[in-house]
Amino acid sequence: MQIGNATLYCGDALGILPRLADVDAVLTDPPYSSGGQYASDRKADTRTKYVSTGSSAMALPDFLGDNRDQRAFYFWSTLWSGAALRASKPGAVCCVFSDWRQLPVSTDYLQAGGWTWRGIVPWVKTSARPQMGRFTAQCEYVVWGSNGQLPTDRGVGVLPGFYEYQSPQPRVHITQKPLGLMADLLEVAPADSLILDPFMGSGTTGVAAVQKGHRFIGIEWSPVIFDVACRRLERAQENLFEPRRAAQQAGLFGEGA
C-alpha cells in the first residue's frame, strides 16, 4: 500500500525483504521474545508479559512472533538482519531495539547478519517503575551498526550517546516507542533517506520518517496492527500538507508549487 511517501506491506518480513533495495537506514523494534523470569514465560501473551495489570493497554491487540526460544530467536534474527543488509546501500545504518535480556544476543545477531557493529545507545525511561531491593530496569537499548564502512561526510552531525523519554501514554501498541525518540534516532540518516522498518507495528518509525522528510518502507505481519499503522501514516501526512494547503489558498504558493 502506498500512502504518500510511505510504502507499507502486510506480511512476513522474511518474505518481503528480498524484494527491497536502496535502503539508507533501518530503524526497527523487533519482537524481543523475552519477558518473565523463566523460559515458559516467553510463551505467554504479550499483554501478560509487557503490560501492568489494570493498565488500559491490556485492551490492545496481541502481536506476533514474540514467543521464540533463545536458539530460534538468534537464528530468526540473523536471517532477517542479513536480508535487511542485502536490501541496504553500502554505508547504510541499522538501529535495532533490545531489552536487557536480549542485549547480548542482539549484538551477536547483528554481526552474524553481516552488519559492522558500532555500539549501543540506551533509551532511559523517565517513567520507569522502581523495584524495591533491586536496580531499576530503566533502559531499553538500541544496538546499531553499518553496512561496511560509515563515511563521516554524510551530512550527519554529532549525536548523543543516550536519550531520555517517557514511555508514550496512551498508546496504540503494547510496545510502542516515543515518537520523539524515533525522530531523534533518525538524525543518524542523511536528508531524504529511504528508511526501512521490517517490524513497524503501529507505524511510529514511519510517522517520524515522513515528518522529517524521508521516504519510508514498513512491514507488519498482523493485519489488525497494519491497519493501525496505515491510519497513523495517513494522518501524519495529511497534517504535513495542511499548512501548504492553507498557504496555497492564501495565494502564497502556486498550485504546482
Protein backbone atom coordinates (compact mmCIF):
# COMPACT_ATOMS: atom_id res chain seq x y z
CA MET A 1 0.00 0.00 0.00
CA GLN A 2 1.28 3.45 -0.94
CA ILE A 3 0.43 6.32 1.40
CA GLY A 4 2.27 9.45 0.31
CA ASN A 5 5.99 8.86 0.90
CA ALA A 6 5.29 5.60 2.76
CA THR A 7 5.18 2.13 1.17
CA LEU A 8 3.57 -0.37 3.54
CA TYR A 9 3.49 -4.17 3.31
CA CYS A 10 1.29 -6.51 5.33
CA GLY A 11 3.17 -9.79 5.55
CA ASP A 12 6.21 -11.69 6.81
CA ALA A 13 9.41 -9.62 6.77
CA LEU A 14 11.48 -12.61 5.64
CA GLY A 15 9.31 -12.92 2.52
CA ILE A 16 9.24 -9.20 1.70
CA LEU A 17 12.81 -8.04 2.49
CA PRO A 18 14.35 -9.81 -0.55
CA ARG A 19 12.20 -7.60 -2.83
CA LEU A 20 13.63 -4.36 -1.45
CA ALA A 21 16.71 -2.34 -2.38
CA ASP A 22 18.49 1.00 -1.92
CA VAL A 23 17.65 1.42 1.78
CA ASP A 24 19.63 4.17 3.53
CA ALA A 25 18.77 3.31 7.15
CA VAL A 26 17.00 0.57 9.10
CA LEU A 27 15.28 1.57 12.35
CA THR A 28 13.20 -1.17 13.92
CA ASP A 29 11.81 -2.61 17.14
CA PRO A 30 11.50 -6.37 16.52
CA PRO A 31 9.77 -8.79 18.91
CA TYR A 32 12.15 -9.44 21.83
CA SER A 33 10.86 -12.91 22.75
CA SER A 34 11.63 -12.04 26.36
CA GLY A 35 9.63 -11.08 29.43
CA GLY A 36 9.31 -13.04 32.64
CA GLN A 37 11.93 -14.95 34.56
CA TYR A 38 11.69 -18.40 33.01
CA ALA A 39 11.67 -19.94 29.54
CA SER A 40 8.00 -20.85 29.88
CA ASP A 41 7.15 -17.16 30.40
CA ARG A 42 8.14 -16.41 26.81
CA LYS A 43 5.11 -18.35 25.60
CA ALA A 44 2.70 -16.00 27.35
CA ASP A 45 0.50 -13.40 25.65
CA THR A 46 2.45 -10.16 25.09
CA ARG A 47 -0.07 -8.27 27.22
CA THR A 48 0.75 -10.57 30.12
CA LYS A 49 4.49 -10.10 29.62
CA TYR A 50 4.75 -6.38 28.98
CA VAL A 51 1.68 -4.62 30.38
CA SER A 52 0.97 -3.80 34.02
CA THR A 53 -2.16 -5.36 35.48
CA GLY A 54 -5.06 -2.92 35.26
CA SER A 55 -3.47 -0.82 32.52
CA SER A 56 -5.69 0.30 29.64
CA ALA A 57 -3.05 -1.24 27.33
CA MET A 58 -4.43 -4.68 28.28
CA ALA A 59 -7.15 -3.97 25.69
CA LEU A 60 -4.61 -3.62 22.85
CA PRO A 61 -4.15 -6.47 20.36
CA ASP A 62 -1.52 -9.13 20.97
CA PHE A 63 1.33 -9.09 18.45
CA LEU A 64 3.00 -11.99 16.68
CA GLY A 65 6.47 -13.52 16.78
CA ASP A 66 7.32 -12.91 20.42
CA ASN A 67 7.41 -16.50 21.74
CA ARG A 68 10.61 -17.94 20.25
CA ASP A 69 13.09 -19.76 22.44
CA GLN A 70 16.65 -18.40 22.54
CA ARG A 71 18.07 -20.51 19.72
CA ALA A 72 15.12 -19.78 17.46
CA PHE A 73 15.32 -16.07 18.28
CA TYR A 74 19.00 -15.91 17.36
CA PHE A 75 18.55 -17.87 14.13
CA TRP A 76 15.48 -15.89 13.01
CA SER A 77 17.12 -12.57 13.90
CA THR A 78 20.23 -13.45 11.91
CA LEU A 79 18.04 -14.26 8.90
CA TRP A 80 16.09 -11.00 8.91
CA SER A 81 19.10 -8.80 9.72
CA GLY A 82 21.02 -10.40 6.86
CA ALA A 83 18.09 -9.82 4.50
CA ALA A 84 17.89 -6.18 5.65
CA LEU A 85 21.61 -5.79 4.95
CA ARG A 86 21.17 -7.05 1.40
CA ALA A 87 18.36 -4.53 0.88
CA SER A 88 20.59 -1.68 2.08
CA LYS A 89 23.15 0.51 0.36
CA PRO A 90 26.85 0.37 1.33
CA GLY A 91 27.29 2.67 4.33
CA ALA A 92 23.65 2.31 5.41
CA VAL A 93 22.92 2.34 9.15
CA CYS A 94 20.92 -0.24 11.14
CA CYS A 95 19.43 0.56 14.57
CA VAL A 96 17.65 -2.26 16.43
CA PHE A 97 15.90 -2.09 19.81
CA SER A 98 16.52 -4.66 22.55
CA ASP A 99 15.83 -5.09 26.24
CA TRP A 100 18.47 -6.13 28.77
CA ARG A 101 17.65 -9.82 28.46
CA GLN A 102 18.29 -9.94 24.72
CA LEU A 103 21.09 -7.38 24.55
CA PRO A 104 23.96 -9.94 24.35
CA VAL A 105 22.32 -11.98 21.57
CA SER A 106 21.28 -8.80 19.73
CA THR A 107 24.86 -7.61 19.40
CA ASP A 108 25.70 -11.10 18.11
CA TYR A 109 22.91 -11.49 15.56
CA LEU A 110 23.51 -8.03 14.09
CA GLN A 111 27.08 -9.05 13.31
CA ALA A 112 26.06 -12.53 12.16
CA GLY A 113 23.72 -10.83 9.67
CA GLY A 114 26.74 -9.04 8.18
CA TRP A 115 26.47 -5.60 9.79
CA THR A 116 29.50 -3.90 11.31
CA TRP A 117 28.62 -3.34 14.97
CA ARG A 118 29.12 0.29 16.01
CA GLY A 119 27.79 0.49 19.55
CA ILE A 120 24.83 0.64 21.93
CA VAL A 121 22.59 3.65 22.60
CA PRO A 122 20.45 3.45 25.78
CA TRP A 123 16.92 4.76 25.94
CA VAL A 124 16.42 5.90 29.55
CA LYS A 125 12.76 5.70 30.54
CA THR A 126 11.98 8.65 32.77
CA SER A 127 8.77 6.95 33.94
CA ALA A 128 10.26 3.55 34.88
CA ARG A 129 8.79 1.78 37.90
CA PRO A 130 11.22 1.49 40.85
CA GLN A 131 11.88 -2.01 42.25
CA MET A 132 12.46 -2.49 45.96
CA GLY A 133 15.86 -4.01 46.71
CA ARG A 134 16.90 -4.06 43.03
CA PHE A 135 18.40 -1.81 40.41
CA THR A 136 15.58 -0.29 38.39
CA ALA A 137 15.25 -1.77 34.90
CA GLN A 138 15.06 1.72 33.43
CA CYS A 139 16.62 1.27 29.98
CA GLU A 140 16.00 -0.33 26.67
CA TYR A 141 18.84 -0.33 24.17
CA VAL A 142 19.47 0.45 20.53
CA VAL A 143 22.14 -1.79 19.03
CA TRP A 144 23.47 -0.08 15.95
CA GLY A 145 25.81 -0.81 13.09
CA SER A 146 26.54 -0.07 9.46
CA ASN A 147 26.73 -1.84 6.12
CA GLY A 148 30.52 -1.79 5.90
CA GLN A 149 32.38 1.49 6.29
CA LEU A 150 30.50 4.50 7.64
CA PRO A 151 31.62 7.71 5.89
CA THR A 152 31.79 10.84 8.04
CA ASP A 153 30.80 13.18 5.18
CA ARG A 154 27.12 12.16 5.08
CA GLY A 155 25.82 15.48 6.39
CA VAL A 156 25.11 13.99 9.84
CA GLY A 157 26.30 15.91 12.90
CA VAL A 158 27.39 14.78 16.37
CA LEU A 159 24.69 12.69 18.07
CA PRO A 160 24.09 11.96 21.78
CA GLY A 161 25.15 8.70 23.44
CA PHE A 162 21.77 8.16 25.14
CA TYR A 163 18.20 9.52 25.09
CA GLU A 164 15.68 10.21 27.85
CA TYR A 165 11.99 9.85 27.07
CA GLN A 166 8.86 8.84 28.92
CA SER A 167 7.01 5.82 27.57
CA PRO A 168 4.09 7.00 25.41
CA GLN A 169 0.71 7.26 27.14
CA PRO A 170 -1.85 6.44 25.94
CA ARG A 171 -0.50 4.05 23.35
CA VAL A 172 -1.93 2.12 20.44
CA HIS A 173 0.60 -0.75 20.51
CA ILE A 174 1.79 -2.76 23.50
CA THR A 175 5.49 -1.95 22.97
CA GLN A 176 5.07 1.43 21.26
CA LYS A 177 8.13 3.70 21.34
CA PRO A 178 8.01 7.50 21.81
CA LEU A 179 7.69 9.42 18.56
CA GLY A 180 10.33 11.94 19.68
CA LEU A 181 12.80 9.14 20.37
CA MET A 182 12.37 7.67 16.90
CA ALA A 183 12.75 11.12 15.33
CA ASP A 184 15.96 11.70 17.29
CA LEU A 185 17.38 8.33 16.25
CA LEU A 186 16.67 9.16 12.60
CA GLU A 187 19.15 12.02 12.89
CA VAL A 188 21.73 9.35 12.02
CA ALA A 189 20.26 9.19 8.50
CA PRO A 190 21.18 11.78 5.82
CA ALA A 191 18.48 14.05 4.41
CA ASP A 192 15.93 12.47 2.05
CA SER A 193 16.83 8.92 3.07
CA LEU A 194 14.85 5.76 2.44
CA ILE A 195 14.04 4.41 5.91
CA LEU A 196 13.09 0.75 6.47
CA ASP A 197 11.25 -0.74 9.44
CA PRO A 198 10.71 -4.51 8.94
CA PHE A 199 8.59 -4.70 12.14
CA MET A 200 6.74 -1.40 12.00
CA GLY A 201 3.97 -2.23 14.48
CA SER A 202 1.75 0.85 14.77
CA GLY A 203 4.00 2.85 12.44
CA THR A 204 5.87 5.17 14.82
CA THR A 205 9.11 4.90 12.83
CA GLY A 206 7.18 5.76 9.67
CA VAL A 207 5.48 8.78 11.22
CA ALA A 208 8.86 10.09 12.42
CA ALA A 209 10.41 9.42 9.00
CA VAL A 210 7.82 11.24 6.90
CA GLN A 211 7.71 14.15 9.34
CA LYS A 212 11.47 14.55 8.82
CA GLY A 213 11.12 14.49 5.04
CA HIS A 214 12.30 10.90 4.48
CA ARG A 215 10.73 8.14 2.41
CA PHE A 216 9.59 5.08 4.35
CA ILE A 217 9.09 1.35 3.85
CA GLY A 218 7.28 -0.53 6.62
CA ILE A 219 6.39 -4.21 7.05
CA GLU A 220 3.88 -5.57 9.58
CA TRP A 221 2.68 -9.14 9.96
CA SER A 222 -0.59 -8.58 11.87
CA PRO A 223 -3.47 -7.27 9.69
CA VAL A 224 -5.06 -5.59 12.73
CA ILE A 225 -1.90 -3.69 13.68
CA PHE A 226 -1.14 -2.98 9.99
CA ASP A 227 -4.47 -1.12 9.75
CA VAL A 228 -3.47 0.99 12.77
CA ALA A 229 -0.17 1.89 11.08
CA CYS A 230 -1.95 2.83 7.86
CA ARG A 231 -4.27 5.20 9.70
CA ARG A 232 -1.39 6.83 11.58
CA LEU A 233 0.63 7.33 8.39
CA GLU A 234 -2.40 8.80 6.63
CA ARG A 235 -2.99 11.28 9.46
CA ALA A 236 0.70 12.17 9.71
CA GLN A 237 0.96 13.06 6.04
CA GLU A 238 -2.37 14.88 5.95
CA ASN A 239 -1.08 17.06 8.80
CA LEU A 240 2.12 17.76 6.84
CA PHE A 241 0.18 19.05 3.86
CA GLU A 242 -2.34 21.17 5.79
CA PRO A 243 -0.03 24.24 6.20
CA ARG A 244 0.82 24.08 2.49
CA ARG A 245 -2.85 23.92 1.52
CA ALA A 246 -3.52 26.94 3.70
CA ALA A 247 -0.65 28.82 2.05
CA GLN A 248 -1.95 27.93 -1.43
CA GLN A 249 -5.41 29.16 -0.52
CA ALA A 250 -3.84 32.41 0.68
CA GLY A 251 -2.05 32.77 -2.67
CA LEU A 252 1.46 32.32 -1.26
CA PHE A 253 2.21 29.31 -3.47
CA GLY A 254 1.03 28.37 -6.94
CA GLU A 255 -0.97 25.19 -7.31
CA GLY A 256 2.04 23.40 -8.79
CA ALA A 257 4.49 24.51 -6.08
